[in-house]
């Protein structure tokens, strides 16, 4: 491939060999088209009336931001018009959207977190879109419960980070690749091929304000991480943005782990298995990392509910394996 590669050329190289793969590439392009529109609108957030709350609450009793609703509408509208999409789930919608008109053609189920970290919108901190694509058999007669697919059904996943630049990071099973949007031509260009977690993990990302609620084992792990008794032989640095996409992205590039545990107030944590944990776990695995709920790999969990929550420990595989032992009391 030439040095200058746009997203379309990359998708054709990976998925141009058969019609089914081309369908997957087309769906990813729909997500990307929506992300360009979202990026445009985020960059006007201080000028247009798109900041603040809608005054409504989602199924998780969280206040819905105007950009949350806008991003959700764009993604659902663009994806539901594609005949290969059989169903769509979104963090902002109570129930899965079944598309019976696509029952003979639809072989993909899409799960979306339209705007991760949306509480940061009003203060101009990076936010993101998370997506995952699950492959099913066309003509399958599935109930909405049966659309709750585990990690072994994922065929592609990724996120779009809206920060100092807009960047797409995704995998369709051939490693993890990053593309940066050139706004002057409206194209995502390959900027970070074959992303892998660095060998050295020097950062931990966790909201330490919740430490009084943590287990004794987790508090011990964090206390040790701050000293030269850490497994790396020197203290780790604390870096926490409060946006899963942003924290994961930094750790993927520079080396680290992201931790959102269950605690005394929320035993199952607050992150959504379908919309956040599974897609990020797929990316972590493809980048040589590891994702766990503290006991089991995230990709081995079987969802029971659309909006099911889970603890999430994700990043450097050796560090996460060590943390699992610590949490087990080993």
Protein backbone atom coordinates (compact mmCIF):
# COMPACT_ATOMS: atom_id res chain seq x y z
CA UNK A 1 0.00 0.00 0.00
CA UNK A 2 1.24 3.58 -0.65
CA UNK A 3 2.24 5.79 2.28
CA UNK A 4 -0.89 7.94 1.95
CA UNK A 5 -3.88 5.66 2.57
CA UNK A 6 -7.46 6.75 3.11
CA UNK A 7 -10.05 4.69 4.95
CA UNK A 8 -11.80 3.49 1.80
CA UNK A 9 -8.56 2.09 0.34
CA UNK A 10 -7.74 0.40 3.64
CA UNK A 11 -11.18 -1.23 3.87
CA UNK A 12 -10.96 -2.43 0.27
CA UNK A 13 -7.55 -3.97 0.97
CA UNK A 14 -8.91 -5.83 4.01
CA UNK A 15 -12.46 -6.56 2.85
CA UNK A 16 -12.60 -6.35 -0.92
CA UNK A 17 -12.21 -10.09 -1.47
CA UNK A 18 -15.84 -11.15 -0.98
CA UNK A 19 -19.31 -9.55 -0.94
CA UNK A 20 -19.94 -10.18 2.76
CA UNK A 21 -16.75 -8.36 3.73
CA UNK A 22 -17.66 -5.48 1.44
CA UNK A 23 -20.95 -5.17 3.32
CA UNK A 24 -19.03 -4.85 6.57
CA UNK A 25 -16.85 -2.15 5.04
CA UNK A 26 -19.97 -0.29 3.91
CA UNK A 27 -21.41 -0.35 7.45
CA UNK A 28 -18.15 0.98 8.89
CA UNK A 29 -18.32 3.76 6.31
CA UNK A 30 -21.82 4.66 7.54
CA UNK A 31 -20.48 4.98 11.08
CA UNK A 32 -17.63 7.10 9.75
CA UNK A 33 -19.99 9.37 7.83
CA UNK A 34 -21.99 9.97 11.00
CA UNK A 35 -18.77 10.67 12.91
CA UNK A 36 -17.81 13.39 10.44
CA UNK A 37 -21.13 15.11 11.05
CA UNK A 38 -20.75 14.72 14.82
CA UNK A 39 -17.20 16.09 14.66
CA UNK A 40 -18.41 19.10 12.69
CA UNK A 41 -21.13 19.83 15.24
CA UNK A 42 -18.83 19.35 18.26
CA UNK A 43 -16.46 21.90 16.76
CA UNK A 44 -19.35 24.40 16.74
CA UNK A 45 -20.47 23.54 20.26
CA UNK A 46 -19.77 26.99 21.69
CA UNK A 47 -21.52 28.75 18.82
CA UNK A 48 -24.65 26.70 18.13
CA UNK A 49 -27.37 25.74 20.60
CA UNK A 50 -26.12 22.19 21.13
CA UNK A 51 -24.61 22.45 24.60
CA UNK A 52 -26.35 21.52 27.82
CA UNK A 53 -29.07 19.08 28.76
CA UNK A 54 -32.24 18.13 26.92
CA UNK A 55 -34.01 17.94 30.28
CA UNK A 56 -34.62 14.23 29.73
CA UNK A 57 -33.07 11.12 31.28
CA UNK A 58 -32.03 7.86 29.62
CA UNK A 59 -32.80 4.32 30.76
CA UNK A 60 -29.90 4.52 33.23
CA UNK A 61 -31.43 7.65 34.85
CA UNK A 62 -28.60 9.77 33.45
CA UNK A 63 -29.25 13.25 32.13
CA UNK A 64 -29.24 13.30 28.33
CA UNK A 65 -27.09 16.00 26.77
CA UNK A 66 -28.22 17.68 23.55
CA UNK A 67 -25.22 16.29 21.67
CA UNK A 68 -25.98 12.81 23.08
CA UNK A 69 -29.39 12.91 21.45
CA UNK A 70 -28.06 14.42 18.24
CA UNK A 71 -25.28 11.84 17.84
CA UNK A 72 -27.71 9.01 18.57
CA UNK A 73 -30.21 10.25 15.98
CA UNK A 74 -27.54 10.56 13.28
CA UNK A 75 -26.10 7.09 13.84
CA UNK A 76 -29.45 5.30 14.09
CA UNK A 77 -30.82 7.06 11.01
CA UNK A 78 -27.80 6.28 8.85
CA UNK A 79 -27.43 2.67 9.98
CA UNK A 80 -31.10 1.68 9.96
CA UNK A 81 -31.36 2.58 6.28
CA UNK A 82 -28.70 0.02 5.36
CA UNK A 83 -30.34 -3.31 4.39
CA UNK A 84 -27.53 -5.44 5.85
CA UNK A 85 -28.24 -4.09 9.35
CA UNK A 86 -30.71 -6.34 11.20
CA UNK A 87 -30.88 -4.56 14.57
CA UNK A 88 -29.39 -1.60 16.45
CA UNK A 89 -28.81 -1.13 20.16
CA UNK A 90 -27.89 2.22 21.68
CA UNK A 91 -27.01 3.41 25.16
CA UNK A 92 -29.55 6.19 24.63
CA UNK A 93 -32.50 3.91 23.75
CA UNK A 94 -34.36 1.65 26.20
CA UNK A 95 -34.84 -1.35 23.89
CA UNK A 96 -33.08 -2.73 20.86
CA UNK A 97 -34.33 -1.46 17.49
CA UNK A 98 -35.43 -4.47 15.46
CA UNK A 99 -35.57 -3.95 11.67
CA UNK A 100 -37.95 -6.66 10.43
CA UNK A 101 -37.91 -5.19 6.92
CA UNK A 102 -34.28 -6.39 6.76
CA UNK A 103 -34.99 -9.94 7.96
CA UNK A 104 -34.00 -11.49 4.61
CA UNK A 105 -30.89 -9.35 4.09
CA UNK A 106 -29.67 -8.24 7.50
CA UNK A 107 -26.71 -10.11 8.90
CA UNK A 108 -25.26 -7.50 11.28
CA UNK A 109 -26.28 -6.21 14.70
CA UNK A 110 -24.82 -2.84 15.71
CA UNK A 111 -24.25 -1.65 19.28
CA UNK A 112 -23.55 2.05 19.92
CA UNK A 113 -22.44 4.44 22.60
CA UNK A 114 -23.14 7.54 20.49
CA UNK A 115 -21.23 9.99 22.68
CA UNK A 116 -19.06 8.54 25.43
CA UNK A 117 -17.97 11.02 28.10
CA UNK A 118 -20.78 13.43 27.25
CA UNK A 119 -20.64 15.05 30.71
CA UNK A 120 -17.40 16.63 29.45
CA UNK A 121 -19.01 18.33 26.45
CA UNK A 122 -19.74 21.63 28.17
CA UNK A 123 -16.14 22.03 29.32
CA UNK A 124 -14.51 21.19 25.96
CA UNK A 125 -12.90 17.89 27.01
CA UNK A 126 -12.46 15.07 24.49
CA UNK A 127 -15.43 12.76 23.95
CA UNK A 128 -15.97 9.81 21.63
CA UNK A 129 -18.27 7.44 19.78
CA UNK A 130 -17.97 3.70 20.46
CA UNK A 131 -19.37 1.04 18.13
CA UNK A 132 -19.33 -2.72 17.70
CA UNK A 133 -20.61 -4.89 14.87
CA UNK A 134 -21.86 -8.43 15.49
CA UNK A 135 -22.41 -10.88 12.64
CA UNK A 136 -25.42 -13.18 12.52
CA UNK A 137 -26.98 -15.43 9.90
CA UNK A 138 -29.42 -13.66 7.55
CA UNK A 139 -33.03 -14.83 7.81
CA UNK A 140 -32.41 -15.77 11.44
CA UNK A 141 -35.57 -15.44 13.48
CA UNK A 142 -34.18 -13.83 16.59
CA UNK A 143 -36.01 -12.36 19.54
CA UNK A 144 -34.71 -9.12 21.01
CA UNK A 145 -33.17 -11.18 23.82
CA UNK A 146 -31.21 -13.19 21.26
CA UNK A 147 -29.63 -10.01 19.91
CA UNK A 148 -27.63 -9.83 23.15
CA UNK A 149 -24.53 -11.40 21.67
CA UNK A 150 -21.24 -12.02 23.44
CA UNK A 151 -17.73 -11.09 22.38
CA UNK A 152 -17.23 -14.15 20.19
CA UNK A 153 -19.83 -12.72 17.77
CA UNK A 154 -17.97 -9.43 17.26
CA UNK A 155 -16.61 -8.99 13.76
CA UNK A 156 -15.52 -5.34 14.08
CA UNK A 157 -15.36 -2.63 16.72
CA UNK A 158 -13.89 0.79 17.20
CA UNK A 159 -14.20 4.31 18.46
CA UNK A 160 -14.00 7.84 17.13
CA UNK A 161 -12.19 10.31 19.39
CA UNK A 162 -13.19 13.97 19.07
CA UNK A 163 -10.23 15.87 20.49
CA UNK A 164 -7.44 18.11 19.18
CA UNK A 165 -8.01 16.08 16.03
CA UNK A 166 -10.78 13.64 15.13
CA UNK A 167 -9.43 10.10 15.05
CA UNK A 168 -10.97 6.74 14.17
CA UNK A 169 -9.45 3.66 15.80
CA UNK A 170 -10.93 0.33 14.76
CA UNK A 171 -10.33 -3.34 14.11
CA UNK A 172 -12.11 -5.80 11.89
CA UNK A 173 -9.97 -8.70 13.03
CA UNK A 174 -6.77 -7.65 11.25
CA UNK A 175 -5.11 -5.68 14.03
CA UNK A 176 -5.94 -2.18 15.26
CA UNK A 177 -5.47 0.82 12.99
CA UNK A 178 -5.87 4.55 13.56
CA UNK A 179 -7.05 7.13 11.04
CA UNK A 180 -6.99 10.90 11.51
CA UNK A 181 -9.57 13.13 9.86
CA UNK A 182 -8.15 15.76 7.50
CA UNK A 183 -10.93 18.36 7.69
CA UNK A 184 -9.69 20.17 4.60
CA UNK A 185 -10.63 17.22 2.37
CA UNK A 186 -13.07 15.38 4.65
CA UNK A 187 -11.07 12.15 4.57
CA UNK A 188 -9.79 9.84 7.29
CA UNK A 189 -6.13 9.07 6.52
CA UNK A 190 -4.12 6.21 7.99
CA UNK A 191 -1.92 7.75 10.67
CA UNK A 192 -1.40 4.94 13.23
CA UNK A 193 -1.11 1.52 11.55
CA UNK A 194 -0.89 -1.69 13.60
CA UNK A 195 -1.41 -0.17 17.04
CA UNK A 196 -0.20 -2.31 19.96
CA UNK A 197 -0.03 -1.69 23.69
CA UNK A 198 3.57 -0.77 24.60
CA UNK A 199 5.57 -3.35 26.52
CA UNK A 200 5.88 -1.06 29.54
CA UNK A 201 2.83 0.02 31.50
CA UNK A 202 3.52 3.31 33.28
CA UNK A 203 0.02 4.75 33.86
CA UNK A 204 -3.08 3.77 35.82
CA UNK A 205 -6.43 5.45 35.14
CA UNK A 206 -9.07 5.30 37.86
CA UNK A 207 -11.33 7.71 39.75
CA UNK A 208 -9.64 7.68 43.15
CA UNK A 209 -12.44 9.74 44.71
CA UNK A 210 -14.32 6.43 45.02
CA UNK A 211 -11.50 4.66 46.88
CA UNK A 212 -13.39 4.45 50.22
CA UNK A 213 -15.88 2.15 48.42
CA UNK A 214 -13.26 -0.16 46.91
CA UNK A 215 -12.30 -3.62 48.04
CA UNK A 216 -9.24 -3.94 50.24
CA UNK A 217 -7.45 -5.80 47.42
CA UNK A 218 -7.98 -3.00 44.91
CA UNK A 219 -6.85 -0.33 47.37
CA UNK A 220 -3.73 -2.39 48.00
CA UNK A 221 -3.03 -2.62 44.27
CA UNK A 222 -3.32 1.14 43.78
CA UNK A 223 -1.24 1.90 46.88
CA UNK A 224 1.53 -0.36 45.59
CA UNK A 225 1.32 1.15 42.09
CA UNK A 226 2.38 4.48 43.60
CA UNK A 227 5.65 3.08 44.94
CA UNK A 228 8.76 1.33 43.70
CA UNK A 229 7.14 -1.91 44.88
CA UNK A 230 5.03 -1.79 41.73
CA UNK A 231 5.56 -4.73 39.36
CA UNK A 232 7.45 -2.39 37.00
CA UNK A 233 9.94 -1.51 39.76
CA UNK A 234 9.01 2.17 39.84
CA UNK A 235 5.89 4.20 40.62
CA UNK A 236 3.13 4.52 38.07
CA UNK A 237 1.59 7.87 37.12
CA UNK A 238 -2.10 8.59 37.66
CA UNK A 239 -3.87 9.90 34.56
CA UNK A 240 -7.66 10.08 34.53
CA UNK A 241 -9.83 12.07 32.11
CA UNK A 242 -13.22 10.57 32.89
CA UNK A 243 -13.98 9.58 29.32
CA UNK A 244 -13.43 5.89 28.55
CA UNK A 245 -12.45 6.57 24.94
CA UNK A 246 -9.92 9.24 25.93
CA UNK A 247 -8.35 7.25 28.75
CA UNK A 248 -8.18 4.04 26.70
CA UNK A 249 -6.68 5.89 23.73
CA UNK A 250 -3.91 7.45 25.81
CA UNK A 251 -3.05 4.14 27.42
CA UNK A 252 -3.05 2.36 24.06
CA UNK A 253 -0.49 4.85 22.73
CA UNK A 254 1.67 5.33 25.82
CA UNK A 255 1.13 2.18 27.93
CA UNK A 256 -1.19 1.77 30.87
CA UNK A 257 -4.35 0.31 32.36
CA UNK A 258 -7.86 1.69 32.81
CA UNK A 259 -9.86 0.57 35.84
CA UNK A 260 -13.57 1.04 36.54
CA UNK A 261 -14.34 -1.37 39.35
CA UNK A 262 -17.51 -2.38 41.04
CA UNK A 263 -17.71 -0.91 44.52
CA UNK A 264 -19.91 -0.81 47.60
CA UNK A 265 -22.34 1.63 45.95
CA UNK A 266 -22.37 -0.02 42.50
CA UNK A 267 -21.23 -3.67 42.74
CA UNK A 268 -21.48 -4.14 38.97
CA UNK A 269 -19.71 -0.90 38.14
CA UNK A 270 -21.21 1.70 35.83
CA UNK A 271 -19.90 0.85 32.36
CA UNK A 272 -22.20 -0.96 29.91
CA UNK A 273 -21.17 -4.41 28.80
CA UNK A 274 -22.74 -4.21 25.34
CA UNK A 275 -21.97 -0.60 24.47
CA UNK A 276 -18.59 0.04 26.09
CA UNK A 277 -16.86 -3.00 27.58
CA UNK A 278 -17.24 -5.53 24.73
CA UNK A 279 -16.12 -3.22 21.89
CA UNK A 280 -13.16 -1.89 23.87
CA UNK A 281 -12.24 -5.42 24.95
CA UNK A 282 -12.23 -6.51 21.29
CA UNK A 283 -9.86 -3.65 20.47
CA UNK A 284 -7.64 -4.41 23.45
CA UNK A 285 -7.37 -8.06 22.43
CA UNK A 286 -6.50 -7.11 18.85
CA UNK A 287 -3.83 -4.72 20.17
CA UNK A 288 -2.17 -7.35 22.36
CA UNK A 289 -3.92 -6.23 25.54
CA UNK A 290 -6.43 -7.76 27.92
CA UNK A 291 -9.87 -6.85 29.29
CA UNK A 292 -11.44 -8.38 32.39
CA UNK A 293 -14.27 -7.88 34.87
CA UNK A 294 -11.74 -8.78 37.56
CA UNK A 295 -12.37 -12.52 37.29
CA UNK A 296 -13.10 -13.39 33.66
CA UNK A 297 -12.25 -12.01 30.23
CA UNK A 298 -14.89 -9.52 29.08
CA UNK A 299 -15.17 -11.27 25.71
CA UNK A 300 -16.28 -14.47 27.47
CA UNK A 301 -19.20 -12.84 29.31
CA UNK A 302 -22.74 -13.62 28.15
CA UNK A 303 -25.01 -10.54 28.28
CA UNK A 304 -28.37 -10.98 30.00
CA UNK A 305 -29.72 -7.46 29.48
CA UNK A 306 -29.20 -4.75 26.87
CA UNK A 307 -28.07 -2.18 29.42
CA UNK A 308 -26.18 -4.59 31.67
CA UNK A 309 -23.27 -3.07 33.57
CA UNK A 310 -19.90 -4.58 34.37
CA UNK A 311 -16.64 -3.76 36.15
CA UNK A 312 -13.88 -3.17 33.59
CA UNK A 313 -10.11 -3.56 33.88
CA UNK A 314 -8.44 -3.05 30.52
CA UNK A 315 -5.03 -2.37 29.00
CA UNK A 316 -1.59 -3.97 29.22
CA UNK A 317 -2.19 -7.74 29.32
CA UNK A 318 0.47 -8.59 31.90
CA UNK A 319 -0.69 -5.82 34.20
CA UNK A 320 -4.35 -6.91 33.96
CA UNK A 321 -3.37 -10.56 34.58
CA UNK A 322 -1.45 -9.42 37.68
CA UNK A 323 -4.41 -7.35 38.85
CA UNK A 324 -6.75 -10.34 38.50
CA UNK A 325 -4.50 -12.31 40.87
CA UNK A 326 -4.45 -9.44 43.34
CA UNK A 327 -8.24 -9.10 43.29
CA UNK A 328 -8.56 -12.87 43.84
CA UNK A 329 -6.40 -12.52 46.96
CA UNK A 330 -3.54 -14.51 45.46
